[in-house]
Amino acid sequence: MQRRRHIAATLGTLAMAGVLALAVPSSAYAATGTLTVENLLTGEKTPHVNPSDCYTLGVTEALSRINNDTDMAVFVYNGPDCQLGNLLTIGPGESAVTAGLSFAIP
């Protein structure tokens, strides 16, 4: 009988740990660092501190330079809203010039 209580208590603890793991906000998966996007037509630089999710570059006529000073890879896409296929992957500490229209950090 005491062994059953011990097993039940252990299962209860594991179930609670699972619930807490699911309750962690998605921002916990953000990259740490700064990702800077420079519009090479205008020279405007836009920093993204601890970025996460998908960002649309919003410039169809210009190339962008992306400097990835974060701890995660950045995925550049052909279309807006991170659609139309992965064009390029920029690793942590790398930079690249791209004609992509959006980028994401998972």
N, C-alpha and C. Protein backbone atom coordinates (compact mmCIF):
# COMPACT_ATOMS: atom_id res chain seq x y z
N MET A 1 0.82 -1.19 0.00
CA MET A 1 0.00 0.00 0.00
C MET A 1 0.87 1.26 0.00
N GLN A 2 1.94 1.24 0.78
CA GLN A 2 2.82 2.40 0.85
C GLN A 2 3.53 2.60 -0.48
N ARG A 3 3.84 1.52 -1.17
CA ARG A 3 4.50 1.61 -2.46
C ARG A 3 3.57 2.26 -3.48
N ARG A 4 2.28 1.95 -3.44
CA ARG A 4 1.32 2.56 -4.36
C ARG A 4 1.24 4.06 -4.15
N ARG A 5 1.26 4.49 -2.89
CA ARG A 5 1.23 5.93 -2.60
C ARG A 5 2.48 6.61 -3.14
N HIS A 6 3.61 5.94 -3.00
CA HIS A 6 4.87 6.49 -3.50
C HIS A 6 4.82 6.64 -5.02
N ILE A 7 4.31 5.61 -5.70
CA ILE A 7 4.18 5.66 -7.16
C ILE A 7 3.21 6.77 -7.57
N ALA A 8 2.09 6.88 -6.87
CA ALA A 8 1.10 7.91 -7.18
C ALA A 8 1.70 9.31 -6.97
N ALA A 9 2.46 9.48 -5.91
CA ALA A 9 3.09 10.78 -5.65
C ALA A 9 4.10 11.11 -6.74
N THR A 10 4.87 10.12 -7.16
CA THR A 10 5.86 10.33 -8.21
C THR A 10 5.18 10.70 -9.53
N LEU A 11 4.12 9.99 -9.88
CA LEU A 11 3.38 10.30 -11.11
C LEU A 11 2.75 11.69 -11.04
N GLY A 12 2.26 12.06 -9.88
CA GLY A 12 1.69 13.40 -9.70
C GLY A 12 2.74 14.48 -9.91
N THR A 13 3.92 14.25 -9.39
CA THR A 13 5.02 15.21 -9.56
C THR A 13 5.40 15.33 -11.03
N LEU A 14 5.50 14.22 -11.73
CA LEU A 14 5.83 14.24 -13.15
C LEU A 14 4.75 14.95 -13.97
N ALA A 15 3.50 14.72 -13.63
CA ALA A 15 2.41 15.38 -14.34
C ALA A 15 2.47 16.89 -14.13
N MET A 16 2.75 17.32 -12.92
CA MET A 16 2.85 18.75 -12.63
C MET A 16 4.02 19.38 -13.39
N ALA A 17 5.14 18.67 -13.47
CA ALA A 17 6.30 19.17 -14.22
C ALA A 17 5.94 19.33 -15.69
N GLY A 18 5.16 18.40 -16.23
CA GLY A 18 4.72 18.51 -17.63
C GLY A 18 3.83 19.71 -17.85
N VAL A 19 2.93 19.97 -16.94
CA VAL A 19 2.04 21.14 -17.05
C VAL A 19 2.86 22.42 -16.99
N LEU A 20 3.81 22.50 -16.11
CA LEU A 20 4.65 23.70 -16.01
C LEU A 20 5.49 23.89 -17.27
N ALA A 21 5.99 22.82 -17.85
CA ALA A 21 6.78 22.93 -19.08
C ALA A 21 5.93 23.50 -20.21
N LEU A 22 4.67 23.10 -20.29
CA LEU A 22 3.79 23.62 -21.33
C LEU A 22 3.38 25.06 -21.08
N ALA A 23 3.46 25.52 -19.86
CA ALA A 23 3.06 26.88 -19.52
C ALA A 23 4.15 27.91 -19.77
N VAL A 24 5.35 27.48 -20.16
CA VAL A 24 6.44 28.42 -20.43
C VAL A 24 6.07 29.26 -21.64
N PRO A 25 6.17 30.57 -21.56
CA PRO A 25 5.81 31.42 -22.69
C PRO A 25 6.76 31.21 -23.87
N SER A 26 6.26 31.47 -25.08
CA SER A 26 7.05 31.24 -26.29
C SER A 26 8.28 32.13 -26.35
N SER A 27 8.31 33.25 -25.66
CA SER A 27 9.47 34.12 -25.68
C SER A 27 10.70 33.45 -25.09
N ALA A 28 10.51 32.37 -24.39
CA ALA A 28 11.65 31.64 -23.85
C ALA A 28 12.50 31.06 -24.97
N TYR A 29 11.96 30.98 -26.18
CA TYR A 29 12.68 30.44 -27.31
C TYR A 29 13.29 31.53 -28.17
N ALA A 30 13.27 32.78 -27.74
CA ALA A 30 13.87 33.87 -28.49
C ALA A 30 15.37 33.73 -28.51
N ALA A 31 15.96 34.23 -29.59
CA ALA A 31 17.41 34.26 -29.67
C ALA A 31 17.93 35.30 -28.69
N THR A 32 19.13 35.09 -28.23
CA THR A 32 19.77 36.07 -27.35
C THR A 32 20.78 36.85 -28.19
N GLY A 33 20.65 38.18 -28.17
CA GLY A 33 21.55 39.03 -28.94
C GLY A 33 20.76 39.99 -29.81
N THR A 34 21.47 40.58 -30.77
CA THR A 34 20.85 41.56 -31.66
C THR A 34 21.03 41.14 -33.11
N LEU A 35 19.96 41.21 -33.85
CA LEU A 35 19.99 40.98 -35.28
C LEU A 35 19.70 42.32 -35.94
N THR A 36 20.59 42.79 -36.80
CA THR A 36 20.43 44.10 -37.43
C THR A 36 20.19 43.92 -38.92
N VAL A 37 19.14 44.56 -39.41
CA VAL A 37 18.80 44.54 -40.83
C VAL A 37 19.08 45.92 -41.40
N GLU A 38 19.92 45.98 -42.44
CA GLU A 38 20.23 47.25 -43.09
C GLU A 38 19.66 47.25 -44.50
N ASN A 39 18.82 48.24 -44.81
CA ASN A 39 18.30 48.42 -46.16
C ASN A 39 19.42 49.06 -46.97
N LEU A 40 19.94 48.36 -47.96
CA LEU A 40 21.09 48.86 -48.72
C LEU A 40 20.72 49.97 -49.69
N LEU A 41 19.42 50.19 -49.92
CA LEU A 41 18.97 51.29 -50.77
C LEU A 41 18.97 52.60 -49.99
N THR A 42 18.47 52.58 -48.77
CA THR A 42 18.33 53.80 -47.97
C THR A 42 19.40 53.94 -46.90
N GLY A 43 20.06 52.85 -46.55
CA GLY A 43 21.05 52.87 -45.47
C GLY A 43 20.44 52.75 -44.09
N GLU A 44 19.11 52.65 -44.01
CA GLU A 44 18.43 52.54 -42.72
C GLU A 44 18.74 51.20 -42.07
N LYS A 45 19.08 51.24 -40.77
CA LYS A 45 19.37 50.03 -40.00
C LYS A 45 18.29 49.82 -38.94
N THR A 46 17.80 48.59 -38.86
CA THR A 46 16.77 48.25 -37.89
C THR A 46 17.28 47.13 -36.99
N PRO A 47 17.51 47.42 -35.71
CA PRO A 47 17.96 46.36 -34.80
C PRO A 47 16.77 45.60 -34.22
N HIS A 48 16.94 44.30 -34.05
CA HIS A 48 15.94 43.45 -33.40
C HIS A 48 16.66 42.78 -32.22
N VAL A 49 16.31 43.20 -31.01
CA VAL A 49 16.96 42.68 -29.79
C VAL A 49 16.21 41.44 -29.32
N ASN A 50 16.95 40.37 -29.09
CA ASN A 50 16.39 39.08 -28.67
C ASN A 50 15.20 38.68 -29.56
N PRO A 51 15.43 38.60 -30.88
CA PRO A 51 14.32 38.35 -31.80
C PRO A 51 13.78 36.93 -31.71
N SER A 52 12.52 36.80 -32.09
CA SER A 52 11.86 35.51 -32.23
C SER A 52 10.73 35.69 -33.22
N ASP A 53 10.28 34.61 -33.85
CA ASP A 53 9.16 34.64 -34.76
C ASP A 53 9.59 35.10 -36.16
N CYS A 54 8.63 35.54 -36.96
CA CYS A 54 8.84 35.93 -38.36
C CYS A 54 8.75 37.45 -38.50
N TYR A 55 9.64 38.01 -39.32
CA TYR A 55 9.66 39.45 -39.59
C TYR A 55 9.64 39.65 -41.10
N THR A 56 8.79 40.55 -41.59
CA THR A 56 8.77 40.89 -43.01
C THR A 56 9.65 42.10 -43.22
N LEU A 57 10.54 42.00 -44.23
CA LEU A 57 11.48 43.09 -44.48
C LEU A 57 10.76 44.29 -45.10
N GLY A 58 9.73 44.06 -45.90
CA GLY A 58 8.92 45.15 -46.42
C GLY A 58 9.54 45.92 -47.56
N VAL A 59 10.65 45.48 -48.11
CA VAL A 59 11.30 46.19 -49.21
C VAL A 59 11.47 45.21 -50.36
N THR A 60 10.76 45.47 -51.46
CA THR A 60 10.85 44.55 -52.59
C THR A 60 11.90 44.97 -53.61
N GLU A 61 12.29 46.23 -53.62
CA GLU A 61 13.23 46.72 -54.62
C GLU A 61 14.67 46.73 -54.14
N ALA A 62 14.91 46.49 -52.88
CA ALA A 62 16.26 46.68 -52.34
C ALA A 62 16.81 45.40 -51.73
N LEU A 63 18.11 45.33 -51.72
CA LEU A 63 18.80 44.27 -51.00
C LEU A 63 18.91 44.67 -49.54
N SER A 64 19.02 43.69 -48.69
CA SER A 64 19.20 43.93 -47.26
C SER A 64 20.45 43.21 -46.79
N ARG A 65 21.16 43.82 -45.87
CA ARG A 65 22.27 43.15 -45.20
C ARG A 65 21.76 42.76 -43.81
N ILE A 66 21.88 41.49 -43.49
CA ILE A 66 21.45 41.00 -42.19
C ILE A 66 22.69 40.59 -41.41
N ASN A 67 22.90 41.23 -40.26
CA ASN A 67 23.99 40.89 -39.35
C ASN A 67 23.39 40.13 -38.18
N ASN A 68 23.78 38.88 -38.06
CA ASN A 68 23.22 38.02 -37.02
C ASN A 68 24.18 37.92 -35.84
N ASP A 69 24.01 38.79 -34.89
CA ASP A 69 24.80 38.76 -33.66
C ASP A 69 23.97 38.12 -32.54
N THR A 70 23.33 36.99 -32.86
CA THR A 70 22.55 36.24 -31.88
C THR A 70 23.15 34.85 -31.73
N ASP A 71 22.54 34.06 -30.88
CA ASP A 71 23.02 32.69 -30.65
C ASP A 71 22.24 31.65 -31.44
N MET A 72 21.41 32.09 -32.40
CA MET A 72 20.60 31.15 -33.20
C MET A 72 20.70 31.50 -34.68
N ALA A 73 20.43 30.51 -35.54
CA ALA A 73 20.42 30.73 -36.98
C ALA A 73 19.19 31.54 -37.38
N VAL A 74 19.34 32.30 -38.47
CA VAL A 74 18.25 33.08 -39.04
C VAL A 74 17.94 32.48 -40.41
N PHE A 75 16.66 32.28 -40.69
CA PHE A 75 16.24 31.72 -41.96
C PHE A 75 15.58 32.81 -42.79
N VAL A 76 16.11 33.06 -44.00
CA VAL A 76 15.60 34.10 -44.89
C VAL A 76 14.72 33.43 -45.94
N TYR A 77 13.56 34.05 -46.21
CA TYR A 77 12.58 33.47 -47.13
C TYR A 77 12.36 34.35 -48.35
N ASN A 78 11.95 33.72 -49.46
CA ASN A 78 11.70 34.42 -50.72
C ASN A 78 10.50 35.35 -50.65
N GLY A 79 9.48 34.98 -49.86
CA GLY A 79 8.25 35.77 -49.82
C GLY A 79 8.01 36.42 -48.47
N PRO A 80 6.99 37.25 -48.40
CA PRO A 80 6.62 37.86 -47.11
C PRO A 80 6.06 36.80 -46.16
N ASP A 81 6.05 37.11 -44.90
CA ASP A 81 5.48 36.23 -43.86
C ASP A 81 6.14 34.86 -43.82
N CYS A 82 7.43 34.82 -44.13
CA CYS A 82 8.24 33.59 -44.05
C CYS A 82 7.65 32.47 -44.90
N GLN A 83 7.26 32.83 -46.13
CA GLN A 83 6.70 31.87 -47.06
C GLN A 83 7.53 31.81 -48.33
N LEU A 84 7.19 30.91 -49.21
CA LEU A 84 7.80 30.71 -50.54
C LEU A 84 9.20 30.14 -50.48
N GLY A 85 9.51 29.40 -49.48
CA GLY A 85 10.77 28.66 -49.45
C GLY A 85 11.93 29.40 -48.81
N ASN A 86 12.77 28.62 -48.15
CA ASN A 86 13.96 29.15 -47.49
C ASN A 86 15.00 29.50 -48.54
N LEU A 87 15.41 30.75 -48.57
CA LEU A 87 16.37 31.25 -49.53
C LEU A 87 17.80 31.12 -49.01
N LEU A 88 17.96 31.32 -47.70
CA LEU A 88 19.28 31.44 -47.12
C LEU A 88 19.21 31.20 -45.62
N THR A 89 20.27 30.64 -45.06
CA THR A 89 20.39 30.50 -43.62
C THR A 89 21.65 31.24 -43.18
N ILE A 90 21.49 32.11 -42.18
CA ILE A 90 22.62 32.90 -41.67
C ILE A 90 22.88 32.43 -40.24
N GLY A 91 24.04 31.85 -40.02
CA GLY A 91 24.38 31.31 -38.72
C GLY A 91 24.71 32.39 -37.70
N PRO A 92 24.81 32.00 -36.44
CA PRO A 92 25.19 32.95 -35.39
C PRO A 92 26.55 33.59 -35.70
N GLY A 93 26.63 34.90 -35.55
CA GLY A 93 27.88 35.62 -35.79
C GLY A 93 28.17 35.89 -37.26
N GLU A 94 27.27 35.51 -38.16
CA GLU A 94 27.49 35.70 -39.59
C GLU A 94 26.63 36.86 -40.11
N SER A 95 26.96 37.32 -41.32
CA SER A 95 26.14 38.32 -41.98
C SER A 95 26.06 37.96 -43.45
N ALA A 96 25.03 38.48 -44.12
CA ALA A 96 24.84 38.20 -45.54
C ALA A 96 23.98 39.28 -46.17
N VAL A 97 24.15 39.45 -47.47
CA VAL A 97 23.30 40.35 -48.25
C VAL A 97 22.29 39.47 -48.97
N THR A 98 21.02 39.90 -48.93
CA THR A 98 19.96 39.06 -49.47
C THR A 98 18.86 39.91 -50.14
N ALA A 99 18.17 39.28 -51.09
CA ALA A 99 17.00 39.89 -51.69
C ALA A 99 15.73 39.29 -51.10
N GLY A 100 15.87 38.50 -50.05
CA GLY A 100 14.70 37.89 -49.40
C GLY A 100 13.74 38.93 -48.87
N LEU A 101 12.48 38.50 -48.69
CA LEU A 101 11.46 39.43 -48.22
C LEU A 101 11.07 39.28 -46.77
N SER A 102 11.55 38.20 -46.12
CA SER A 102 11.24 38.01 -44.70
C SER A 102 12.28 37.10 -44.09
N PHE A 103 12.31 37.08 -42.75
CA PHE A 103 13.24 36.19 -42.05
C PHE A 103 12.61 35.73 -40.77
N ALA A 104 13.12 34.60 -40.27
CA ALA A 104 12.57 34.04 -39.04
C ALA A 104 13.67 33.49 -38.17
N ILE A 105 13.45 33.59 -36.88
CA ILE A 105 14.25 32.90 -35.89
C ILE A 105 13.27 32.01 -35.16
N PRO A 106 13.45 30.69 -35.28
CA PRO A 106 12.46 29.77 -34.68
C PRO A 106 12.41 29.84 -33.16
